[in-house]
Amino acid sequence: MQTVASTLALFGGPPVRDRLLPYGRQTIDEDDIAAVVAVLRSEWLTTGPAVAAFEEAVAARVGARFAVAFSSGTAALHAAAFAAGLGPGDEAITTPLTFSATANCVLYQGATPRFADIRPLDLTLDPDRVAAAITPRTRAILPMDYAGHPADLDALRALAQRHGLLIIEDAAHALGAVSRGRPVGSLADITIFSFHPVKHVAAGEGGMAVTNDPALASRLRRFRTHGIVYGVDEREPWRYDLVDLGFNYRLADLNCALGLSQLKKLDANLARRRAIAAAYREAFAGLPWLTLPRELPGMQSAWHLYPIRLNLDTLRAGRAEIFRALRAEGIGVQVHYLPVHLLRLYRERFGYRPGAFPLAEAAYERLISLPLFPGMSDGDVADVIAAVTKVLRAYGR
């Protein structure tokens, strides 16, 4: 093994790439630039016509009645927790294998996030374990569509209806995903999306909450703008009132114009992501050292990430050394995510310890996300395949 490993870039050998390929990156074209410039030349910079147009376009794309734009996906999650009525004494159940914002939005409202373990097949929230975690204080379930693969919303909705709970779906990874023939965004009480630069639609920053419930939509809109309502007295058109303690979570016209332009290319971007995922699947299918992500029957992933899981019992090195070896080869791999319950805030506040959610923890120990974004060339894809094969062969038993 030492002879083979010595050819790795980690030990001084030539790397597959001289320049690091990131795991995700936005793709901006001249149409996108023109859309933003048009706003700069208009009378509006923030909260103008592009906001409403972006909201309408996203709602139509995901099959929802209402869409409310926010300054980030995290702000949209916070607003969803507010709109769901979460408060002190309440609990909401979510997955430990997610970015911390999914659980933090519950904390923002003074409620308590509880966790249920994941399903190993798709790394999303396990409905059976959610059922076991429900208490008289539970008010909401927050599934997260890990890597772009839809969580089992049918099972979770049945559970929510049985217990009178709301579902807030964190679909920051899953714009364009499909669950049993229905678009993600049309299934939960509230679904949130993200427009961070590595996501399917890049708006610089931004998020969106969608719902079919007019009352939830109204609460989401108020929360975005300080909790203010306008038009309270027709005789005094300037008068407004403050009815909730909201925030300034508005998204600017500049971001919405970019988001609108990007949304027109969503189908092409999804097709490219799926083609790259298919190329990885074909290239890695025969390698014994890793487990590949898969789409469960009836599901279409949006392939935000391509998370491989190392079969550590077949390798002579752990995840950390293989991660460093891939980085040395010029491949900008990442890990998604450190389990939330093991982060310091959650350990100290709630007393969580390793072993609390063994399936999520075991998955985390093996996970590495490979680069996957629409702007990758076929040569970039070939470099990732070459580097992964080179490194795993070097460390394989």
Protein backbone atom coordinates (compact mmCIF):
# COMPACT_ATOMS: atom_id res chain seq x y z
CA MET A 1 0.00 0.00 0.00
CA GLN A 2 2.84 2.38 0.85
CA THR A 3 4.24 2.19 -2.69
CA VAL A 4 0.90 2.94 -4.27
CA ALA A 5 0.00 5.61 -1.69
CA SER A 6 3.32 7.36 -2.26
CA THR A 7 2.08 8.37 -5.73
CA LEU A 8 -0.78 10.34 -4.15
CA ALA A 9 -0.47 14.13 -4.19
CA LEU A 10 -0.81 13.97 -0.40
CA PHE A 11 2.65 12.35 -0.33
CA GLY A 12 4.29 14.47 -3.03
CA GLY A 13 2.99 12.82 -6.22
CA PRO A 14 1.47 14.82 -9.08
CA PRO A 15 -2.15 15.90 -8.39
CA VAL A 16 -5.03 15.15 -10.73
CA ARG A 17 -5.73 18.90 -10.89
CA ASP A 18 -3.51 21.91 -10.29
CA ARG A 19 -6.47 24.13 -9.33
CA LEU A 20 -9.03 23.17 -6.69
CA LEU A 21 -12.47 22.27 -8.05
CA PRO A 22 -15.07 23.45 -5.48
CA TYR A 23 -17.94 21.20 -4.39
CA GLY A 24 -20.47 23.81 -5.54
CA ARG A 25 -20.48 27.11 -7.38
CA GLN A 26 -22.94 29.46 -9.09
CA THR A 27 -23.16 29.78 -12.86
CA ILE A 28 -23.90 33.35 -14.01
CA ASP A 29 -24.47 34.26 -17.67
CA GLU A 30 -25.07 37.51 -19.57
CA ASP A 31 -28.86 37.23 -19.14
CA ASP A 32 -28.38 37.17 -15.36
CA ILE A 33 -26.12 40.21 -15.48
CA ALA A 34 -28.56 42.09 -17.72
CA ALA A 35 -31.43 41.34 -15.33
CA VAL A 36 -29.55 42.86 -12.39
CA VAL A 37 -28.39 45.85 -14.43
CA ALA A 38 -32.00 46.52 -15.43
CA VAL A 39 -32.94 46.80 -11.76
CA LEU A 40 -30.02 49.16 -11.12
CA ARG A 41 -31.38 51.38 -13.88
CA SER A 42 -34.94 51.22 -12.54
CA GLU A 43 -36.68 53.18 -9.79
CA TRP A 44 -36.44 50.27 -7.35
CA LEU A 45 -33.62 48.60 -5.50
CA THR A 46 -35.59 46.82 -2.80
CA THR A 47 -39.17 45.58 -2.34
CA GLY A 48 -40.19 46.50 -5.86
CA PRO A 49 -41.90 44.64 -8.70
CA ALA A 50 -39.18 42.00 -9.02
CA VAL A 51 -40.02 40.64 -5.55
CA ALA A 52 -43.65 39.91 -6.45
CA ALA A 53 -42.64 38.54 -9.85
CA PHE A 54 -40.08 36.17 -8.27
CA GLU A 55 -42.61 35.02 -5.67
CA GLU A 56 -45.23 34.29 -8.34
CA ALA A 57 -42.74 32.43 -10.52
CA VAL A 58 -41.49 30.21 -7.67
CA ALA A 59 -45.04 29.45 -6.50
CA ALA A 60 -46.02 28.42 -10.04
CA ARG A 61 -42.87 26.28 -10.43
CA VAL A 62 -43.46 24.26 -7.25
CA GLY A 63 -47.26 24.08 -7.38
CA ALA A 64 -47.99 26.24 -4.32
CA ARG A 65 -50.63 28.98 -3.95
CA PHE A 66 -48.43 31.46 -2.08
CA ALA A 67 -44.72 32.27 -1.94
CA VAL A 68 -43.02 34.78 0.35
CA ALA A 69 -39.44 35.88 -0.32
CA PHE A 70 -36.93 36.27 2.53
CA SER A 71 -33.40 37.54 2.93
CA SER A 72 -32.08 33.98 3.38
CA GLY A 73 -33.22 30.40 3.72
CA THR A 74 -32.55 30.66 7.45
CA ALA A 75 -34.83 33.71 7.69
CA ALA A 76 -37.52 31.73 5.84
CA LEU A 77 -37.14 28.88 8.36
CA HIS A 78 -37.41 31.34 11.26
CA ALA A 79 -40.57 32.83 9.74
CA ALA A 80 -42.02 29.36 9.19
CA ALA A 81 -41.46 28.48 12.85
CA PHE A 82 -43.19 31.72 13.82
CA ALA A 83 -46.08 31.18 11.42
CA ALA A 84 -46.52 27.65 12.77
CA GLY A 85 -47.07 29.19 16.21
CA LEU A 86 -44.05 27.59 17.90
CA GLY A 87 -43.24 29.11 21.28
CA PRO A 88 -41.92 28.34 24.77
CA GLY A 89 -43.05 24.94 25.99
CA ASP A 90 -43.52 23.60 22.45
CA GLU A 91 -41.40 20.98 20.72
CA ALA A 92 -40.62 20.31 17.07
CA ILE A 93 -38.98 17.16 15.70
CA THR A 94 -36.25 17.29 13.08
CA THR A 95 -33.29 15.36 11.74
CA PRO A 96 -29.83 15.53 13.29
CA LEU A 97 -28.22 15.22 9.84
CA THR A 98 -28.79 18.74 8.56
CA PHE A 99 -27.36 22.24 8.69
CA SER A 100 -27.95 23.74 12.13
CA ALA A 101 -30.46 26.32 10.82
CA THR A 102 -33.13 23.60 10.53
CA ALA A 103 -33.07 23.12 14.31
CA ASN A 104 -32.06 26.67 15.23
CA CYS A 105 -35.32 28.09 13.84
CA VAL A 106 -37.13 26.24 16.63
CA LEU A 107 -34.78 27.73 19.23
CA TYR A 108 -35.31 31.23 17.83
CA GLN A 109 -38.96 30.92 18.87
CA GLY A 110 -38.13 29.74 22.37
CA ALA A 111 -39.36 26.22 21.59
CA THR A 112 -37.34 23.00 21.95
CA PRO A 113 -35.94 21.08 18.97
CA ARG A 114 -36.05 17.32 19.39
CA PHE A 115 -34.35 14.90 17.04
CA ALA A 116 -35.32 11.61 15.46
CA ASP A 117 -32.83 9.41 13.64
CA ILE A 118 -32.54 8.99 9.88
CA ARG A 119 -33.22 6.25 7.35
CA PRO A 120 -29.91 4.80 6.10
CA LEU A 121 -31.22 4.41 2.54
CA ASP A 122 -31.70 8.11 1.76
CA LEU A 123 -30.38 9.80 4.94
CA THR A 124 -33.69 11.62 5.55
CA LEU A 125 -35.87 11.71 8.65
CA ASP A 126 -37.32 8.29 9.55
CA PRO A 127 -41.13 8.55 10.03
CA ASP A 128 -41.16 5.58 12.42
CA ARG A 129 -38.62 7.23 14.67
CA VAL A 130 -40.53 10.52 14.46
CA ALA A 131 -43.64 8.69 15.66
CA ALA A 132 -41.71 7.41 18.66
CA ALA A 133 -40.45 10.92 19.50
CA ILE A 134 -43.86 12.67 19.55
CA THR A 135 -44.93 13.97 22.95
CA PRO A 136 -47.94 16.02 24.12
CA ARG A 137 -45.76 19.12 23.55
CA THR A 138 -44.95 18.37 19.91
CA ARG A 139 -46.34 20.99 17.51
CA ALA A 140 -44.40 20.50 14.29
CA ILE A 141 -42.21 18.15 12.23
CA LEU A 142 -39.29 19.56 10.24
CA PRO A 143 -38.03 17.07 7.63
CA MET A 144 -35.03 18.04 5.52
CA ASP A 145 -34.54 16.84 1.93
CA TYR A 146 -30.95 15.71 2.35
CA ALA A 147 -28.75 16.33 -0.71
CA GLY A 148 -31.89 17.05 -2.75
CA HIS A 149 -33.66 13.72 -2.15
CA PRO A 150 -37.25 14.25 -0.91
CA ALA A 151 -38.06 13.03 2.58
CA ASP A 152 -41.06 10.69 2.91
CA LEU A 153 -43.70 13.43 3.11
CA ASP A 154 -46.60 11.00 2.61
CA ALA A 155 -45.73 9.09 5.78
CA LEU A 156 -44.93 12.27 7.70
CA ARG A 157 -48.17 13.96 6.63
CA ALA A 158 -50.19 10.97 7.79
CA LEU A 159 -48.40 11.17 11.11
CA ALA A 160 -48.95 14.94 11.36
CA GLN A 161 -52.66 14.63 10.60
CA ARG A 162 -53.06 11.92 13.24
CA HIS A 163 -51.48 14.14 15.92
CA GLY A 164 -52.60 17.60 14.73
CA LEU A 165 -49.08 18.77 13.81
CA LEU A 166 -47.74 21.10 11.13
CA ILE A 167 -44.99 20.11 8.70
CA ILE A 168 -42.26 22.60 7.80
CA GLU A 169 -40.18 21.06 5.01
CA ASP A 170 -36.59 22.28 4.74
CA ALA A 171 -36.12 21.95 0.98
CA ALA A 172 -33.05 24.16 0.76
CA HIS A 173 -31.40 21.32 -1.21
CA ALA A 174 -34.44 20.28 -3.21
CA LEU A 175 -35.80 22.95 -5.58
CA GLY A 176 -36.93 20.91 -8.61
CA ALA A 177 -37.14 17.57 -6.78
CA VAL A 178 -40.21 15.38 -7.27
CA SER A 179 -41.94 13.09 -4.77
CA ARG A 180 -44.21 10.44 -6.28
CA GLY A 181 -45.10 12.69 -9.22
CA ARG A 182 -45.61 15.88 -7.18
CA PRO A 183 -43.13 18.75 -6.96
CA VAL A 184 -41.43 19.45 -3.66
CA GLY A 185 -43.12 22.62 -2.44
CA SER A 186 -46.65 21.33 -2.86
CA LEU A 187 -46.66 18.73 -0.07
CA ALA A 188 -45.98 20.35 3.32
CA ASP A 189 -47.83 23.04 5.28
CA ILE A 190 -44.82 25.30 4.66
CA THR A 191 -41.79 24.51 2.48
CA ILE A 192 -38.68 26.64 2.41
CA PHE A 193 -36.08 27.01 -0.35
CA SER A 194 -32.66 28.65 -0.42
CA PHE A 195 -31.04 30.79 -3.11
CA HIS A 196 -27.48 30.67 -1.76
CA PRO A 197 -24.89 30.64 -4.60
CA VAL A 198 -24.33 26.87 -4.41
CA LYS A 199 -28.06 26.13 -4.71
CA HIS A 200 -30.14 25.41 -7.83
CA VAL A 201 -31.15 29.07 -8.20
CA ALA A 202 -28.49 31.56 -7.08
CA ALA A 203 -29.73 34.99 -6.05
CA GLY A 204 -26.62 36.06 -4.13
CA GLU A 205 -28.55 35.28 -0.95
CA GLY A 206 -32.22 34.73 -0.31
CA GLY A 207 -34.90 32.25 0.60
CA MET A 208 -38.57 31.54 -0.06
CA ALA A 209 -41.36 30.05 2.02
CA VAL A 210 -44.28 28.54 0.07
CA THR A 211 -47.64 27.39 1.35
CA ASN A 212 -51.20 26.70 0.22
CA ASP A 213 -52.68 28.20 3.41
CA PRO A 214 -53.67 31.91 3.16
CA ALA A 215 -53.47 32.42 6.94
CA LEU A 216 -49.91 31.03 7.07
CA ALA A 217 -48.97 33.17 4.05
CA SER A 218 -50.27 36.28 5.81
CA ARG A 219 -48.25 35.53 8.96
CA LEU A 220 -45.14 34.87 6.88
CA ARG A 221 -45.49 38.25 5.11
CA ARG A 222 -45.98 40.16 8.36
CA PHE A 223 -43.01 38.49 10.00
CA ARG A 224 -40.79 39.47 7.06
CA THR A 225 -41.60 43.16 7.57
CA HIS A 226 -41.29 43.75 11.33
CA GLY A 227 -44.80 42.38 12.03
CA ILE A 228 -46.39 45.43 10.41
CA VAL A 229 -49.79 45.55 8.68
CA TYR A 230 -50.70 48.38 6.34
CA GLY A 231 -54.05 49.83 5.26
CA VAL A 232 -55.57 49.82 8.73
CA ASP A 233 -57.46 53.11 8.15
CA GLU A 234 -58.58 54.23 4.68
CA ARG A 235 -58.93 57.85 5.86
CA GLU A 236 -55.24 57.96 6.83
CA PRO A 237 -53.36 56.03 4.12
CA TRP A 238 -50.01 56.47 5.85
CA ARG A 239 -51.17 54.63 8.96
CA TYR A 240 -49.90 51.16 9.78
CA ASP A 241 -49.97 49.00 12.87
CA LEU A 242 -47.53 46.59 14.51
CA VAL A 243 -49.33 43.34 15.36
CA ASP A 244 -46.43 40.87 15.71
CA LEU A 245 -42.78 41.11 16.72
CA GLY A 246 -41.26 40.48 13.30
CA PHE A 247 -37.92 41.21 11.67
CA ASN A 248 -36.54 43.00 8.65
CA TYR A 249 -36.11 39.87 6.52
CA ARG A 250 -36.89 41.51 3.17
CA LEU A 251 -35.18 40.38 -0.03
CA ALA A 252 -34.12 43.13 -2.46
CA ASP A 253 -35.24 43.55 -6.06
CA LEU A 254 -31.61 43.07 -7.09
CA ASN A 255 -31.62 39.54 -5.67
CA CYS A 256 -35.08 38.75 -7.01
CA ALA A 257 -34.18 39.87 -10.54
CA LEU A 258 -31.18 37.54 -10.48
CA GLY A 259 -33.33 34.77 -9.02
CA LEU A 260 -35.97 35.21 -11.75
CA SER A 261 -33.34 34.98 -14.46
CA GLN A 262 -31.79 31.91 -12.84
CA LEU A 263 -35.18 30.23 -12.40
CA LYS A 264 -35.63 30.17 -16.19
CA LYS A 265 -32.60 27.85 -16.38
CA LEU A 266 -33.68 25.54 -13.54
CA ASP A 267 -34.69 22.65 -15.80
CA ALA A 268 -31.41 22.79 -17.71
CA ASN A 269 -29.46 22.99 -14.44
CA LEU A 270 -31.34 20.01 -13.00
CA ALA A 271 -30.66 18.01 -16.16
CA ARG A 272 -26.93 18.75 -15.90
CA ARG A 273 -26.85 17.82 -12.20
CA ARG A 274 -28.61 14.53 -13.01
CA ALA A 275 -26.19 13.81 -15.87
CA ILE A 276 -23.20 14.33 -13.55
CA ALA A 277 -24.77 12.10 -10.89
CA ALA A 278 -25.34 9.42 -13.54
CA ALA A 279 -21.71 9.68 -14.69
CA TYR A 280 -20.49 9.22 -11.09
CA ARG A 281 -22.84 6.28 -10.58
CA GLU A 282 -21.61 4.52 -13.71
CA ALA A 283 -17.93 5.17 -12.95
CA PHE A 284 -18.06 4.13 -9.28
CA ALA A 285 -20.52 1.25 -9.52
CA GLY A 286 -17.81 -1.41 -9.40
CA LEU A 287 -15.73 0.07 -6.59
CA PRO A 288 -16.04 -1.88 -3.31
CA TRP A 289 -14.79 0.96 -1.09
CA LEU A 290 -17.84 3.22 -1.15
CA THR A 291 -21.64 3.28 -1.00
CA LEU A 292 -23.32 5.50 -3.58
CA PRO A 293 -26.37 7.73 -3.08
CA ARG A 294 -29.54 6.42 -4.66
CA GLU A 295 -33.04 7.59 -5.51
CA LEU A 296 -35.78 5.60 -3.81
CA PRO A 297 -38.69 4.40 -6.01
CA GLY A 298 -41.01 7.28 -6.98
CA MET A 299 -38.47 9.94 -5.99
CA GLN A 300 -36.46 12.30 -8.21
CA SER A 301 -33.61 13.98 -6.38
CA ALA A 302 -32.59 17.52 -7.27
CA TRP A 303 -28.97 16.38 -6.69
CA HIS A 304 -27.77 19.38 -4.74
CA LEU A 305 -25.00 17.14 -3.39
CA TYR A 306 -23.42 13.83 -4.37
CA PRO A 307 -22.62 12.33 -0.94
CA ILE A 308 -20.64 9.10 -1.07
CA ARG A 309 -20.26 6.97 2.06
CA LEU A 310 -16.89 5.27 2.57
CA ASN A 311 -16.94 1.55 3.41
CA LEU A 312 -14.35 2.04 6.11
CA ASP A 313 -13.85 -1.68 6.80
CA THR A 314 -12.47 -2.04 3.25
CA LEU A 315 -10.00 0.86 3.58
CA ARG A 316 -6.66 1.32 5.31
CA ALA A 317 -7.36 4.95 6.20
CA GLY A 318 -10.15 6.87 7.86
CA ARG A 319 -12.40 9.53 6.38
CA ALA A 320 -10.13 12.42 7.47
CA GLU A 321 -7.06 11.11 5.60
CA ILE A 322 -9.08 10.27 2.48
CA PHE A 323 -10.62 13.75 2.62
CA ARG A 324 -7.15 15.30 2.78
CA ALA A 325 -5.93 13.06 -0.04
CA LEU A 326 -8.79 14.15 -2.32
CA ARG A 327 -8.18 17.81 -1.49
CA ALA A 328 -4.50 17.30 -2.33
CA GLU A 329 -5.56 15.93 -5.72
CA GLY A 330 -7.38 19.23 -6.38
CA ILE A 331 -10.91 18.01 -5.60
CA GLY A 332 -12.82 20.36 -3.27
CA VAL A 333 -14.72 17.71 -1.34
CA GLN A 334 -16.81 18.64 1.70
CA VAL A 335 -18.68 16.92 4.51
CA HIS A 336 -22.43 17.46 5.03
CA TYR A 337 -23.09 17.62 7.96
CA LEU A 338 -21.77 17.37 11.50
CA PRO A 339 -24.81 16.02 13.40
CA VAL A 340 -26.55 18.99 15.00
CA HIS A 341 -27.04 17.36 18.41
CA LEU A 342 -23.27 17.00 18.79
CA LEU A 343 -22.55 20.70 18.24
CA ARG A 344 -21.49 22.52 21.41
CA LEU A 345 -24.65 24.59 21.82
CA TYR A 346 -26.86 21.51 21.70
CA ARG A 347 -24.57 19.38 23.87
CA GLU A 348 -24.38 22.03 26.60
CA ARG A 349 -28.01 23.15 26.50
CA PHE A 350 -29.71 19.78 26.08
CA GLY A 351 -27.09 17.31 27.30
CA TYR A 352 -26.77 15.32 24.08
CA ARG A 353 -23.89 12.86 23.89
CA PRO A 354 -22.42 10.64 21.14
CA GLY A 355 -24.60 7.61 20.54
CA ALA A 356 -27.92 9.46 20.91
CA PHE A 357 -28.70 9.05 17.19
CA PRO A 358 -26.43 6.25 15.99
CA LEU A 359 -27.58 6.08 12.37
CA ALA A 360 -26.94 9.78 11.71
CA GLU A 361 -23.63 9.61 13.55
CA ALA A 362 -22.52 6.51 11.63
CA ALA A 363 -23.44 8.14 8.32
CA TYR A 364 -21.55 11.30 9.22
CA GLU A 365 -18.37 9.32 9.96
CA ARG A 366 -18.41 7.94 6.40
CA LEU A 367 -19.73 10.90 4.35
CA ILE A 368 -17.83 12.89 1.74
CA SER A 369 -19.60 15.20 -0.75
CA LEU A 370 -18.10 15.23 -4.24
CA PRO A 371 -18.23 18.34 -6.48
CA LEU A 372 -21.57 18.69 -8.26
CA PHE A 373 -22.77 21.87 -9.96
CA PRO A 374 -24.13 22.69 -13.45
CA GLY A 375 -21.04 24.61 -14.56
CA MET A 376 -18.80 21.54 -14.27
CA SER A 377 -17.32 20.52 -17.61
CA ASP A 378 -17.02 16.90 -18.71
CA GLY A 379 -13.32 17.29 -17.97
CA ASP A 380 -14.10 18.37 -14.39
CA VAL A 381 -16.29 15.29 -13.95
CA ALA A 382 -13.53 13.07 -15.34
CA ASP A 383 -11.05 14.64 -12.88
CA VAL A 384 -13.32 13.83 -9.92
CA ILE A 385 -13.72 10.25 -11.11
CA ALA A 386 -9.97 9.88 -11.64
CA ALA A 387 -9.10 11.35 -8.24
CA VAL A 388 -11.64 9.29 -6.28
CA THR A 389 -10.56 6.09 -8.04
CA LYS A 390 -6.86 6.90 -7.53
CA VAL A 391 -7.24 7.66 -3.82
CA LEU A 392 -9.51 4.73 -2.96
CA ARG A 393 -7.33 2.26 -4.86
CA ALA A 394 -4.33 3.55 -2.91
CA TYR A 395 -6.06 2.99 0.42
CA GLY A 396 -8.15 -0.05 -0.46
CA ARG A 397 -7.54 -3.32 1.34
